[in-house]
Protein backbone atom coordinates (compact mmCIF):
# COMPACT_ATOMS: atom_id res chain seq x y z
CA MET A 1 -99.43 67.06 78.46
CA LYS A 2 -102.45 68.29 80.42
CA VAL A 3 -103.31 66.61 83.72
CA SER A 4 -106.86 65.85 84.87
CA PRO A 5 -106.87 64.26 88.35
CA SER A 6 -109.73 61.85 88.99
CA ILE A 7 -111.32 62.25 92.41
CA LEU A 8 -112.71 58.72 92.29
CA THR A 9 -110.22 57.61 94.97
CA CYS A 10 -110.37 60.75 97.09
CA ASP A 11 -111.80 61.14 100.61
CA TYR A 12 -115.48 61.93 100.01
CA ALA A 13 -115.93 63.04 103.60
CA HIS A 14 -113.62 65.99 102.91
CA LEU A 15 -114.26 67.06 99.33
CA ASP A 16 -113.40 70.69 100.08
CA ARG A 17 -109.96 69.60 101.24
CA GLU A 18 -109.53 67.31 98.23
CA MET A 19 -110.38 70.11 95.77
CA ALA A 20 -107.75 72.30 97.45
CA PHE A 21 -105.26 69.43 97.16
CA VAL A 22 -105.91 69.06 93.41
CA GLU A 23 -105.42 72.78 92.85
CA LYS A 24 -102.12 72.77 94.76
CA THR A 25 -100.73 70.04 92.50
CA GLY A 26 -100.84 72.40 89.52
CA ALA A 27 -103.27 70.18 87.60
CA ASP A 28 -105.17 71.58 84.63
CA MET A 29 -108.69 70.30 85.34
CA VAL A 30 -110.67 67.94 87.57
CA HIS A 31 -111.93 64.61 86.24
CA LEU A 32 -115.33 63.63 87.65
CA ASP A 33 -116.40 60.01 87.12
CA VAL A 34 -120.18 59.66 87.10
CA MET A 35 -121.31 56.01 87.29
CA ASP A 36 -124.90 54.78 87.29
CA GLY A 37 -124.51 51.14 88.38
CA VAL A 38 -125.98 50.01 85.03
CA PHE A 39 -123.52 50.97 82.30
CA VAL A 40 -120.72 50.08 84.72
CA PRO A 41 -121.01 47.96 87.89
CA ASN A 42 -120.43 50.81 90.31
CA LEU A 43 -122.14 53.95 91.62
CA SER A 44 -120.55 57.32 92.30
CA PHE A 45 -122.35 60.69 92.27
CA GLY A 46 -124.43 62.96 90.09
CA PRO A 47 -125.28 66.61 89.38
CA PRO A 48 -126.05 67.66 93.00
CA VAL A 49 -122.55 66.70 94.17
CA ILE A 50 -120.93 68.39 91.16
CA ALA A 51 -122.93 71.55 91.87
CA ARG A 52 -121.59 71.58 95.44
CA LEU A 53 -118.03 71.05 94.19
CA ARG A 54 -118.22 73.84 91.62
CA PRO A 55 -117.64 76.76 94.03
CA LEU A 56 -114.64 74.99 95.59
CA THR A 57 -112.28 75.35 92.62
CA SER A 58 -111.74 77.43 89.51
CA LEU A 59 -110.38 74.42 87.59
CA PRO A 60 -112.47 73.20 84.64
CA PHE A 61 -114.65 70.15 85.31
CA ASP A 62 -113.99 67.22 82.96
CA VAL A 63 -117.14 65.13 83.52
CA HIS A 64 -117.07 61.50 82.35
CA LEU A 65 -120.57 60.01 82.14
CA MET A 66 -120.43 56.24 82.54
CA MET A 67 -124.19 56.02 82.17
CA GLN A 68 -126.60 53.97 80.12
CA LEU A 69 -128.77 56.97 79.17
CA PRO A 70 -126.54 60.05 79.58
CA HIS A 71 -128.55 62.18 77.14
CA ARG A 72 -131.38 62.45 79.67
CA LEU A 73 -129.21 64.46 82.08
CA ILE A 74 -127.01 66.64 79.87
CA GLY A 75 -128.87 69.75 81.01
CA ALA A 76 -128.49 68.81 84.67
CA PHE A 77 -124.74 68.28 84.35
CA ALA A 78 -124.30 71.48 82.35
CA ASP A 79 -126.23 73.47 84.97
CA ALA A 80 -124.23 71.83 87.78
CA GLY A 81 -120.98 73.26 86.39
CA ALA A 82 -119.52 70.76 83.92
CA ASP A 83 -117.16 72.39 81.42
CA LEU A 84 -116.58 69.31 79.27
CA ILE A 85 -119.12 66.50 79.06
CA ASN A 86 -117.83 63.12 78.03
CA PHE A 87 -120.07 60.13 77.20
CA HIS A 88 -119.78 56.70 75.63
CA PRO A 89 -120.95 55.80 72.11
CA GLU A 90 -121.57 52.30 73.55
CA SER A 91 -124.34 53.76 75.75
CA GLY A 92 -127.98 54.16 74.78
CA ALA A 93 -127.51 57.85 73.88
CA PRO A 94 -128.25 59.10 70.36
CA ILE A 95 -124.74 60.28 69.58
CA ASP A 96 -125.39 63.10 67.10
CA GLU A 97 -128.21 64.61 69.14
CA THR A 98 -126.31 64.36 72.41
CA LEU A 99 -123.20 66.03 70.99
CA ALA A 100 -125.38 68.81 69.58
CA ASP A 101 -127.11 69.26 72.94
CA ILE A 102 -123.79 69.58 74.77
CA ARG A 103 -122.54 72.15 72.28
CA ALA A 104 -125.81 74.09 72.36
CA ARG A 105 -125.37 74.53 76.11
CA GLY A 106 -121.98 76.13 75.58
CA LYS A 107 -120.00 73.13 76.84
CA LYS A 108 -117.18 71.16 75.27
CA ALA A 109 -118.07 67.67 74.07
CA ALA A 110 -116.11 64.42 74.17
CA LEU A 111 -116.60 60.74 73.43
CA THR A 112 -115.10 57.89 75.44
CA LEU A 113 -114.18 54.42 74.16
CA LYS A 114 -114.16 51.27 76.27
CA PRO A 115 -111.17 48.96 75.70
CA ALA A 116 -113.12 46.61 73.42
CA THR A 117 -114.42 49.42 71.16
CA PRO A 118 -112.27 50.09 68.08
CA ALA A 119 -110.78 53.47 67.25
CA GLU A 120 -112.94 53.72 64.15
CA ALA A 121 -116.06 54.12 66.31
CA VAL A 122 -115.25 57.79 66.90
CA PHE A 123 -114.07 58.68 63.38
CA PRO A 124 -117.52 59.87 62.15
CA TYR A 125 -117.76 62.32 65.06
CA LEU A 126 -114.25 63.79 65.22
CA ASP A 127 -115.33 67.07 63.64
CA ARG A 128 -117.91 67.56 66.42
CA VAL A 129 -115.87 66.76 69.54
CA ASP A 130 -113.20 68.60 71.47
CA MET A 131 -111.67 65.45 72.89
CA VAL A 132 -111.66 61.66 72.69
CA LEU A 133 -111.07 59.68 75.88
CA VAL A 134 -109.46 56.27 75.44
CA MET A 135 -109.99 54.02 78.44
CA THR A 136 -106.80 52.14 79.25
CA VAL A 137 -108.64 50.04 81.85
CA GLU A 138 -112.19 48.72 82.02
CA PRO A 139 -114.36 51.61 83.24
CA GLY A 140 -115.98 51.49 86.65
CA PHE A 141 -113.26 51.16 89.29
CA GLY A 142 -110.03 52.96 90.13
CA GLY A 143 -106.65 51.39 90.81
CA GLN A 144 -106.55 49.03 87.81
CA ALA A 145 -103.44 48.17 85.81
CA PHE A 146 -102.68 49.98 82.54
CA MET A 147 -103.61 48.06 79.37
CA GLU A 148 -100.66 48.51 77.00
CA ASP A 149 -102.61 47.02 74.10
CA MET A 150 -104.63 50.29 73.96
CA LEU A 151 -101.60 52.15 72.58
CA PRO A 152 -102.35 51.29 68.90
CA LYS A 153 -105.90 52.62 69.39
CA ILE A 154 -104.54 55.94 70.64
CA ALA A 155 -102.15 56.09 67.68
CA ALA A 156 -104.93 55.33 65.19
CA ILE A 157 -107.14 58.11 66.55
CA ARG A 158 -104.24 60.58 66.56
CA SER A 159 -103.41 59.67 62.98
CA GLU A 160 -106.98 60.30 61.84
CA ILE A 161 -107.19 63.61 63.74
CA ASP A 162 -103.95 64.81 62.17
CA ARG A 163 -104.92 63.56 58.70
CA ARG A 164 -108.06 65.70 58.84
CA GLY A 165 -106.34 68.69 60.41
CA LEU A 166 -108.66 68.77 63.43
CA ASP A 167 -108.07 70.38 66.81
CA VAL A 168 -109.07 67.44 69.01
CA ARG A 169 -107.29 66.29 72.15
CA ILE A 170 -106.83 62.66 73.15
CA GLU A 171 -107.25 61.87 76.83
CA VAL A 172 -106.30 58.58 78.47
CA ASP A 173 -107.70 57.16 81.68
CA GLY A 174 -106.56 54.12 83.62
CA GLY A 175 -103.28 53.17 85.24
CA ILE A 176 -101.55 56.39 84.22
CA GLY A 177 -98.41 57.32 86.17
CA GLU A 178 -94.74 58.12 85.62
CA ALA A 179 -94.03 54.77 83.97
CA THR A 180 -97.00 54.66 81.60
CA ALA A 181 -97.48 58.35 80.72
CA PRO A 182 -94.53 58.46 78.28
CA LEU A 183 -96.04 55.53 76.38
CA VAL A 184 -99.38 57.26 75.82
CA VAL A 185 -97.70 60.54 74.86
CA GLN A 186 -95.61 58.72 72.27
CA ALA A 187 -98.81 57.16 70.91
CA GLY A 188 -100.44 60.58 70.56
CA ALA A 189 -102.29 61.39 73.78
CA ASP A 190 -102.07 64.86 75.29
CA VAL A 191 -104.32 64.70 78.38
CA ALA A 192 -103.81 62.26 81.27
CA VAL A 193 -106.39 61.30 83.85
CA VAL A 194 -104.46 60.46 87.01
CA GLY A 195 -106.12 58.95 90.06
CA SER A 196 -104.42 56.54 92.43
CA ALA A 197 -100.92 57.50 91.27
CA LEU A 198 -101.55 61.12 92.25
CA PHE A 199 -103.44 60.65 95.51
CA ASN A 200 -100.88 58.08 96.70
CA SER A 201 -97.82 60.00 95.55
CA PRO A 202 -95.31 61.28 98.15
CA ASP A 203 -94.92 64.42 95.98
CA PRO A 204 -98.08 65.02 93.90
CA ALA A 205 -96.94 68.39 92.54
CA ALA A 206 -93.70 66.85 91.27
CA LEU A 207 -95.69 64.11 89.55
CA VAL A 208 -97.87 66.69 87.79
CA ASP A 209 -94.76 68.63 86.77
CA SER A 210 -93.23 65.49 85.30
CA LEU A 211 -96.38 64.81 83.27
CA HIS A 212 -96.54 68.40 82.04
CA ALA A 213 -92.95 68.08 80.84
CA LEU A 214 -93.77 65.15 78.56
CA GLY A 215 -95.30 67.29 75.86
């Protein structure tokens, strides 16, 4: 399993230090939650902050756009240093055109599903994405409890990916830690977004090692 720490709960006054912390854990990428206060009831940061973070780490940037109109800023996020750009089909973005735009800029593309959105919503696009992110909490805030009823959704998406012989990862985000990670791996996920569990862990590197060992 790959590990993508979310910096949503980090110390924003010391982002250089937090990037160094993430690298030392042995994580595989950095998960950046971009929230516009419209699509979700919270605000975070945008392309200027990501551009400042980019020189601080060599880890890939896994950018999750929780935005109502993400297609308007794909170029800005790509230029800022995003490696994978992840948006919601529930947003106002034209899905086909936005996926094509991401790919045309040389970036990996992903779609994210809110808890209420069925697995089948991503099936028409699986041949054009590198990853599907299944939210295992309601998007917008960190520190929420894992929603176990999302496990069948993960399994359904994995089944469809395998049936079609596609090379698409499944990422999960929300309440992921040592107790819940085995459940999502068994369901078919292979990338874990870890936030509070990592930043509050007494041994973050050991936690990352334990997640890597799951698959």
